[in-house]
Amino acid sequence: MVYERSHEQNWSARALERQIGALYYERLLSTQAKQQDLQPVIDEANHKTTALALTVKDYLRDPYIFDFLGLPSVSLQESELEQALIDNLQKFLLELGKGFAFVERQQRIVTEDGDFFIDLVFYNFHLKCFLLIDLKMHKLSHQDVGQMDMYVRMYEEKKRRSDDNPTIGLILCTDNNRTVAKYSVLNDSEHLFASKYMLELPSEEELRHQLEKERQQLLAQQGQTDNDY
């Protein structure tokens, strides 16, 4: 699958080598597995929404690895991380995956109660939708989820065009929070996601261990859900 993606995106040999070393395929599969327990909300009156619900998990992953930034993992501000990603936009797009194009940084949304600014906005030409990214320097919180939910709703009303699919919101944080994910709108939303980012490329063994831990936690959560019934 990595080689298929390499052909699709015209990766260089160096880019392909990095994606293999960063376990691109394993991270993609891990993210898809996390989404399989969600029940898709199918809107028969809107074919575009249905198509998006069935394919969005193929375009996001968890975790994202930003080792190419060369930033310290401590004493880092969100503005510094944002600037570094913009300065390394080509590599950032490579890590995001196929079909993404940069739209704007700190995009302004004007409302009657004030202005709001979205950290990073991208557009995916395969999904035909906007991707809003909010950068966080802490573990995922319910406030983060509520903020992104608001951003997506505002974007739907004020920015999305009639021929676009529903907007996707992605929160990038230093660590996931399973409680927040389970008991917030993240649990049943087709358009809100949260992923962990890492500033250093772990060893292949460490990354495999993390992905296996995530898989075991997911299986345990599914088993608990089955027992509830």
Protein backbone atom coordinates (compact mmCIF):
# COMPACT_ATOMS: atom_id res chain seq x y z
CA MET A 1 0.00 0.00 0.00
CA VAL A 2 2.90 2.36 0.74
CA TYR A 3 4.24 1.80 -2.78
CA GLU A 4 0.79 2.44 -4.25
CA ARG A 5 0.62 5.75 -2.37
CA SER A 6 4.14 6.54 -3.59
CA HIS A 7 2.99 6.13 -7.21
CA GLU A 8 -0.17 8.20 -6.59
CA GLN A 9 1.73 11.11 -5.05
CA ASN A 10 4.98 10.91 -7.02
CA TRP A 11 7.10 10.55 -3.88
CA SER A 12 10.85 10.74 -4.31
CA ALA A 13 13.02 7.85 -3.17
CA ARG A 14 13.93 9.81 -0.04
CA ALA A 15 10.28 10.59 0.72
CA LEU A 16 9.32 6.96 0.25
CA GLU A 17 12.15 5.85 2.54
CA ARG A 18 10.96 8.23 5.26
CA GLN A 19 7.35 7.05 5.03
CA ILE A 20 8.43 3.43 5.33
CA GLY A 21 10.63 4.27 8.31
CA ALA A 22 7.78 6.21 9.91
CA LEU A 23 5.46 3.19 9.51
CA TYR A 24 3.10 5.12 7.22
CA TYR A 25 1.03 2.03 6.40
CA GLU A 26 0.75 0.86 10.03
CA ARG A 27 -0.34 4.29 11.23
CA LEU A 28 -2.95 4.51 8.48
CA LEU A 29 -4.35 1.09 9.35
CA SER A 30 -4.39 1.96 13.04
CA THR A 31 -6.41 5.10 12.37
CA GLN A 32 -8.88 3.20 10.19
CA ALA A 33 -9.32 0.54 12.89
CA LYS A 34 -10.21 3.21 15.43
CA GLN A 35 -13.00 4.44 13.16
CA GLN A 36 -14.53 1.05 12.35
CA ASP A 37 -16.50 0.93 15.60
CA LEU A 38 -18.29 4.19 14.74
CA GLN A 39 -21.72 3.80 13.18
CA PRO A 40 -21.83 5.88 9.97
CA VAL A 41 -24.67 8.34 9.79
CA ILE A 42 -26.01 7.90 6.27
CA ASP A 43 -28.06 10.69 4.79
CA GLU A 44 -29.93 9.17 1.85
CA ALA A 45 -30.92 12.63 0.64
CA ASN A 46 -27.30 13.70 0.26
CA HIS A 47 -25.04 11.32 -1.63
CA LYS A 48 -21.99 13.49 -1.08
CA THR A 49 -22.29 13.23 2.71
CA THR A 50 -22.53 9.44 2.50
CA ALA A 51 -19.45 9.22 0.28
CA LEU A 52 -17.48 11.37 2.68
CA ALA A 53 -18.49 9.30 5.72
CA LEU A 54 -17.24 6.16 4.00
CA THR A 55 -13.87 7.52 2.92
CA VAL A 56 -12.63 10.21 5.32
CA LYS A 57 -10.90 7.64 7.58
CA ASP A 58 -8.67 6.72 4.64
CA TYR A 59 -7.20 10.21 4.60
CA LEU A 60 -6.39 10.79 8.27
CA ARG A 61 -4.01 8.99 10.60
CA ASP A 62 -2.92 8.84 14.22
CA PRO A 63 -0.25 9.73 15.14
CA TYR A 64 1.27 12.34 12.85
CA ILE A 65 5.06 12.62 12.96
CA PHE A 66 6.70 16.03 12.57
CA ASP A 67 10.33 14.99 12.99
CA PHE A 68 11.27 17.10 9.97
CA LEU A 69 10.69 20.30 11.98
CA GLY A 70 13.67 19.78 14.27
CA LEU A 71 11.83 21.40 17.19
CA PRO A 72 12.29 20.72 20.91
CA SER A 73 9.44 18.92 22.66
CA VAL A 74 9.51 21.32 25.64
CA SER A 75 8.98 25.07 25.98
CA LEU A 76 7.30 25.23 22.58
CA GLN A 77 4.52 27.68 21.76
CA GLU A 78 1.63 26.95 19.41
CA SER A 79 2.65 29.89 17.22
CA GLU A 80 6.16 28.42 16.88
CA LEU A 81 4.79 25.03 15.86
CA GLU A 82 2.44 26.66 13.37
CA GLN A 83 5.24 28.75 11.86
CA ALA A 84 7.53 25.71 11.58
CA LEU A 85 4.82 23.75 9.75
CA ILE A 86 4.34 26.61 7.30
CA ASP A 87 8.11 26.90 6.80
CA ASN A 88 8.18 23.17 5.99
CA LEU A 89 4.91 23.12 4.07
CA GLN A 90 6.01 20.61 1.43
CA LYS A 91 7.04 18.06 4.07
CA PHE A 92 3.90 18.80 6.08
CA LEU A 93 1.73 18.07 3.04
CA LEU A 94 3.62 14.81 2.58
CA GLU A 95 2.82 13.81 6.15
CA LEU A 96 -0.85 14.83 5.79
CA GLY A 97 -1.29 12.46 2.86
CA LYS A 98 -2.82 12.43 -0.58
CA GLY A 99 -4.91 15.17 -2.13
CA PHE A 100 -4.29 17.99 0.35
CA ALA A 101 -3.58 21.57 -0.70
CA PHE A 102 -2.82 24.50 1.59
CA VAL A 103 -5.47 27.22 1.74
CA GLU A 104 -4.64 29.68 4.52
CA ARG A 105 -3.04 30.21 7.91
CA GLN A 106 -5.04 31.90 10.68
CA GLN A 107 -8.08 32.15 8.44
CA ARG A 108 -10.49 34.74 9.76
CA ILE A 109 -14.18 34.09 10.25
CA VAL A 110 -16.26 37.16 11.01
CA THR A 111 -19.37 36.84 13.20
CA GLU A 112 -21.70 39.37 14.81
CA ASP A 113 -20.00 38.71 18.18
CA GLY A 114 -16.40 38.97 17.03
CA ASP A 115 -13.78 37.41 14.82
CA PHE A 116 -12.39 33.88 15.06
CA PHE A 117 -9.15 32.56 13.57
CA ILE A 118 -8.53 28.97 12.45
CA ASP A 119 -4.90 27.85 12.74
CA LEU A 120 -4.56 26.05 9.40
CA VAL A 121 -6.99 25.40 6.55
CA PHE A 122 -6.46 22.84 3.78
CA TYR A 123 -8.57 21.48 0.95
CA ASN A 124 -8.64 17.86 -0.17
CA PHE A 125 -9.33 17.40 -3.87
CA HIS A 126 -10.28 13.73 -3.52
CA LEU A 127 -12.75 14.25 -0.68
CA LYS A 128 -13.77 17.62 -2.15
CA CYS A 129 -13.90 19.26 1.25
CA PHE A 130 -12.03 21.66 3.55
CA LEU A 131 -9.90 20.42 6.44
CA LEU A 132 -9.58 22.69 9.46
CA ILE A 133 -6.61 22.02 11.76
CA ASP A 134 -6.30 23.31 15.31
CA LEU A 135 -2.88 22.94 16.96
CA LYS A 136 -2.71 22.22 20.69
CA MET A 137 0.33 21.98 22.94
CA HIS A 138 -1.39 19.78 25.51
CA LYS A 139 -3.42 16.61 25.94
CA LEU A 140 -6.81 16.66 24.23
CA SER A 141 -9.50 18.37 26.33
CA HIS A 142 -13.25 18.77 25.99
CA GLN A 143 -12.69 22.49 25.44
CA ASP A 144 -10.61 21.65 22.36
CA VAL A 145 -13.40 19.50 20.99
CA GLY A 146 -16.02 22.16 21.63
CA GLN A 147 -13.89 24.80 19.94
CA MET A 148 -13.33 22.70 16.83
CA ASP A 149 -17.00 21.76 16.68
CA MET A 150 -17.83 25.48 16.68
CA TYR A 151 -15.23 26.20 13.98
CA VAL A 152 -16.65 23.48 11.72
CA ARG A 153 -20.22 24.72 12.20
CA MET A 154 -19.19 28.30 11.41
CA TYR A 155 -17.21 27.18 8.38
CA GLU A 156 -20.19 25.22 7.09
CA GLU A 157 -22.35 28.31 7.27
CA LYS A 158 -19.93 31.00 6.18
CA LYS A 159 -17.23 29.42 3.99
CA ARG A 160 -18.28 26.11 2.46
CA ARG A 161 -19.48 26.29 -1.12
CA SER A 162 -22.55 24.47 -2.36
CA ASP A 163 -20.48 21.96 -4.36
CA ASP A 164 -18.17 21.08 -1.42
CA ASN A 165 -18.61 18.11 0.87
CA PRO A 166 -19.02 18.77 4.62
CA THR A 167 -16.03 20.31 6.36
CA ILE A 168 -13.65 18.14 8.42
CA GLY A 169 -12.13 19.34 11.69
CA LEU A 170 -8.85 17.83 12.97
CA ILE A 171 -7.39 18.61 16.39
CA LEU A 172 -3.66 17.93 16.61
CA CYS A 173 -2.58 17.51 20.23
CA THR A 174 0.39 16.16 22.18
CA ASP A 175 -1.64 13.24 23.53
CA ASN A 176 -5.03 11.63 23.08
CA ASN A 177 -7.71 11.51 25.76
CA ARG A 178 -9.93 8.43 25.55
CA THR A 179 -12.42 9.75 28.07
CA VAL A 180 -12.98 12.92 26.10
CA ALA A 181 -13.14 10.95 22.85
CA LYS A 182 -15.73 8.58 24.30
CA TYR A 183 -18.00 11.09 26.01
CA SER A 184 -17.85 14.02 23.59
CA VAL A 185 -19.14 14.69 20.10
CA LEU A 186 -15.96 13.04 18.79
CA ASN A 187 -17.55 9.68 19.53
CA ASP A 188 -20.36 9.96 17.01
CA SER A 189 -19.25 12.70 14.64
CA GLU A 190 -18.34 11.88 11.05
CA HIS A 191 -16.48 15.17 10.63
CA LEU A 192 -14.53 15.79 13.87
CA PHE A 193 -11.27 14.00 14.63
CA ALA A 194 -8.37 14.24 17.06
CA SER A 195 -4.87 12.87 16.47
CA LYS A 196 -1.65 12.91 18.41
CA TYR A 197 1.44 14.47 16.88
CA MET A 198 5.06 13.63 17.67
CA LEU A 199 8.02 15.95 17.16
CA GLU A 200 10.57 13.16 17.08
CA LEU A 201 10.57 10.01 15.00
CA PRO A 202 10.49 7.09 17.44
CA SER A 203 12.26 3.85 16.72
CA GLU A 204 10.33 1.34 14.65
CA GLU A 205 9.97 -0.83 17.76
CA GLU A 206 8.62 2.06 19.85
CA LEU A 207 6.12 3.05 17.16
CA ARG A 208 4.93 -0.53 16.70
CA HIS A 209 4.52 -0.82 20.48
CA GLN A 210 2.44 2.35 20.57
CA LEU A 211 0.22 1.19 17.72
CA GLU A 212 -0.25 -2.20 19.38
CA LYS A 213 -1.17 -0.48 22.64
CA GLU A 214 -3.75 1.60 20.80
CA ARG A 215 -5.16 -1.55 19.18
CA GLN A 216 -5.43 -3.38 22.51
CA GLN A 217 -7.18 -0.42 24.12
CA LEU A 218 -9.62 -0.29 21.23
CA LEU A 219 -10.37 -4.01 21.55
CA ALA A 220 -10.89 -3.63 25.30
CA GLN A 221 -13.25 -0.73 24.70
CA GLN A 222 -15.21 -2.73 22.13
CA GLY A 223 -15.41 -5.68 24.53
CA GLN A 224 -16.78 -3.46 27.27
CA THR A 225 -19.39 -2.10 24.88
CA ASP A 226 -20.46 -5.63 23.91
CA ASN A 227 -20.81 -6.56 27.60
CA ASP A 228 -23.08 -3.60 28.17
CA TYR A 229 -25.55 -5.24 25.82
